[in-house]
C-alpha atoms as a PDB file:
ATOM      1  CA  UNK A   1     356.916  98.173  54.048  1.00  0.00           C
ATOM      2  CA  UNK A   2     353.678  96.635  52.555  1.00  0.00           C
ATOM      3  CA  UNK A   3     353.090  94.847  55.724  1.00  0.00           C
ATOM      4  CA  UNK A   4     353.166  98.499  58.057  1.00  0.00           C
ATOM      5  CA  UNK A   5     350.772  99.541  55.326  1.00  0.00           C
ATOM      6  CA  UNK A   6     348.767  96.586  55.664  1.00  0.00           C
ATOM      7  CA  UNK A   7     348.556  97.420  59.703  1.00  0.00           C
ATOM      8  CA  UNK A   8     348.100 100.674  59.614  1.00  0.00           C
ATOM      9  CA  UNK A   9     344.817 100.905  57.050  1.00  0.00           C
ATOM     10  CA  UNK A  10     342.849  98.766  59.832  1.00  0.00           C
ATOM     11  CA  UNK A  11     343.963 100.954  62.616  1.00  0.00           C
ATOM     12  CA  UNK A  12     343.715 104.266  60.860  1.00  0.00           C
ATOM     13  CA  UNK A  13     340.088 105.178  62.056  1.00  0.00           C
ATOM     14  CA  UNK A  14     340.855 104.076  65.834  1.00  0.00           C
ATOM     15  CA  UNK A  15     343.776 106.451  65.304  1.00  0.00           C
ATOM     16  CA  UNK A  16     341.761 109.357  63.622  1.00  0.00           C
ATOM     17  CA  UNK A  17     339.329 109.166  67.382  1.00  0.00           C
ATOM     18  CA  UNK A  18     342.345 109.137  69.882  1.00  0.00           C
ATOM     19  CA  UNK A  19     343.414 112.163  67.394  1.00  0.00           C
ATOM     20  CA  UNK A  20     340.131 113.902  67.637  1.00  0.00           C
ATOM     21  CA  UNK A  21     339.372 113.232  71.042  1.00  0.00           C
ATOM     22  CA  UNK A  22     343.144 114.563  72.191  1.00  0.00           C
ATOM     23  CA  UNK A  23     342.370 117.929  70.238  1.00  0.00           C
ATOM     24  CA  UNK A  24     338.641 118.213  71.832  1.00  0.00           C
ATOM     25  CA  UNK A  25     340.669 117.740  75.394  1.00  0.00           C
ATOM     26  CA  UNK A  26     343.312 120.212  74.549  1.00  0.00           C
ATOM     27  CA  UNK A  27     340.762 122.840  73.275  1.00  0.00           C
ATOM     28  CA  UNK A  28     339.006 122.543  76.189  1.00  0.00           C
ATOM     29  CA  UNK A  29     341.895 122.833  78.142  1.00  0.00           C
ATOM     30  CA  UNK A  30     342.804 125.851  76.578  1.00  0.00           C
ATOM     31  CA  UNK A  31     339.155 127.421  77.374  1.00  0.00           C
ATOM     32  CA  UNK A  32     339.583 126.750  81.046  1.00  0.00           C
ATOM     33  CA  UNK A  33     342.993 128.212  81.073  1.00  0.00           C
ATOM     34  CA  UNK A  34     341.641 131.277  79.560  1.00  0.00           C
ATOM     35  CA  UNK A  35     338.706 131.180  82.557  1.00  0.00           C
ATOM     36  CA  UNK A  36     340.941 130.810  85.545  1.00  0.00           C
ATOM     37  CA  UNK A  37     343.381 133.665  83.889  1.00  0.00           C
ATOM     38  CA  UNK A  38     340.354 135.990  83.840  1.00  0.00           C
ATOM     39  CA  UNK A  39     338.908 134.667  87.073  1.00  0.00           C
ATOM     40  CA  UNK A  40     342.635 135.462  88.707  1.00  0.00           C
ATOM     41  CA  UNK A  41     342.716 138.944  86.920  1.00  0.00           C
ATOM     42  CA  UNK A  42     339.538 139.734  88.428  1.00  0.00           C
ATOM     43  CA  UNK A  43     340.523 138.349  91.739  1.00  0.00           C
ATOM     44  CA  UNK A  44     344.468 140.285  92.124  1.00  0.00           C
ATOM     45  CA  UNK A  45     342.088 143.669  91.238  1.00  0.00           C
ATOM     46  CA  UNK A  46     339.722 142.953  94.244  1.00  0.00           C
ATOM     47  CA  UNK A  47     342.614 141.809  96.025  1.00  0.00           C
ATOM     48  CA  UNK A  48     344.298 144.844  95.614  1.00  0.00           C
ATOM     49  CA  UNK A  49     341.334 147.179  96.241  1.00  0.00           C
ATOM     50  CA  UNK A  50     341.022 145.358  99.804  1.00  0.00           C
ATOM     51  CA  UNK A  51     344.641 146.308 100.407  1.00  0.00           C
ATOM     52  CA  UNK A  52     344.123 149.720  99.901  1.00  0.00           C
ATOM     53  CA  UNK A  53     340.992 150.177 101.746  1.00  0.00           C
ATOM     54  CA  UNK A  54     343.319 148.281 104.957  1.00  0.00           C
ATOM     55  CA  UNK A  55     346.327 150.801 104.281  1.00  0.00           C
ATOM     56  CA  UNK A  56     343.489 153.648 104.642  1.00  0.00           C
ATOM     57  CA  UNK A  57     342.016 152.257 107.750  1.00  0.00           C
ATOM     58  CA  UNK A  58     345.773 151.567 109.114  1.00  0.00           C
ATOM     59  CA  UNK A  59     346.568 155.353 108.418  1.00  0.00           C
ATOM     60  CA  UNK A  60     343.334 156.564 110.297  1.00  0.00           C
ATOM     61  CA  UNK A  61     343.947 154.294 113.174  1.00  0.00           C
ATOM     62  CA  UNK A  62     347.803 154.895 113.468  1.00  0.00           C
ATOM     63  CA  UNK A  63     347.588 158.774 112.906  1.00  0.00           C
ATOM     64  CA  UNK A  64     349.045 160.884 116.062  1.00  0.00           C
ATOM     65  CA  UNK A  65     345.753 163.097 115.661  1.00  0.00           C
ATOM     66  CA  UNK A  66     343.291 160.375 116.276  1.00  0.00           C
ATOM     67  CA  UNK A  67     344.591 158.461 119.202  1.00  0.00           C
ATOM     68  CA  UNK A  68     341.234 157.161 121.115  1.00  0.00           C
ATOM     69  CA  UNK A  69     342.866 155.685 123.895  1.00  0.00           C
ATOM     70  CA  UNK A  70     344.104 158.925 125.299  1.00  0.00           C
ATOM     71  CA  UNK A  71     340.591 160.438 124.862  1.00  0.00           C
ATOM     72  CA  UNK A  72     338.791 157.723 126.657  1.00  0.00           C
ATOM     73  CA  UNK A  73     341.130 157.928 129.699  1.00  0.00           C
ATOM     74  CA  UNK A  74     340.983 161.777 129.507  1.00  0.00           C
ATOM     75  CA  UNK A  75     337.024 161.448 129.753  1.00  0.00           C
ATOM     76  CA  UNK A  76     337.541 159.020 132.939  1.00  0.00           C
ATOM     77  CA  UNK A  77     339.609 161.618 134.538  1.00  0.00           C
ATOM     78  CA  UNK A  78     337.669 164.711 134.041  1.00  0.00           C
ATOM     79  CA  UNK A  79     334.224 163.476 135.787  1.00  0.00           C
ATOM     80  CA  UNK A  80     332.770 160.399 136.859  1.00  0.00           C
ATOM     81  CA  UNK A  81     330.103 158.739 134.712  1.00  0.00           C
ATOM     82  CA  UNK A  82     326.609 159.617 135.868  1.00  0.00           C
ATOM     83  CA  UNK A  83     325.061 156.987 137.640  1.00  0.00           C
ATOM     84  CA  UNK A  84     321.666 155.636 136.549  1.00  0.00           C
ATOM     85  CA  UNK A  85     318.706 156.810 138.047  1.00  0.00           C
ATOM     86  CA  UNK A  86     316.404 153.734 139.969  1.00  0.00           C
ATOM     87  CA  UNK A  87     314.116 152.281 138.114  1.00  0.00           C
ATOM     88  CA  UNK A  88     310.397 153.470 138.256  1.00  0.00           C
ATOM     89  CA  UNK A  89     308.337 150.550 139.462  1.00  0.00           C
ATOM     90  CA  UNK A  90     306.589 148.546 137.403  1.00  0.00           C
ATOM     91  CA  UNK A  91     302.924 148.386 137.561  1.00  0.00           C
ATOM     92  CA  UNK A  92     301.361 144.725 138.421  1.00  0.00           C
ATOM     93  CA  UNK A  93     299.196 144.067 135.520  1.00  0.00           C
ATOM     94  CA  UNK A  94     297.883 141.052 137.756  1.00  0.00           C
ATOM     95  CA  UNK A  95     295.747 143.901 139.970  1.00  0.00           C
ATOM     96  CA  UNK A  96     292.785 144.710 137.889  1.00  0.00           C
ATOM     97  CA  UNK A  97     290.561 146.477 140.571  1.00  0.00           C
ATOM     98  CA  UNK A  98     293.264 149.279 140.483  1.00  0.00           C
ATOM     99  CA  UNK A  99     292.421 150.249 137.010  1.00  0.00           C
ATOM    100  CA  UNK A 100     288.719 150.776 137.543  1.00  0.00           C
END
């Protein structure tokens, strides 16, 4: 028993340093886990808001009263689109005598 005690006394400072480093590491890990939990909570809240927005948009698009394709087809069959007018001639900027 005395031999074990004689061996432990010189090792005590090293063991204490190891214990201190270990406790600091454990504290840092706990802080990181708390931050990660807060980030996950904020992320899941933002995710839920985005899901709700997508649901609303899906409801708008899939609503029977909002049938965009049939409305476009109805417009196509009512009247042909007007033809664009011929573009006006562009004056030649190099001709300086016509301006004077």
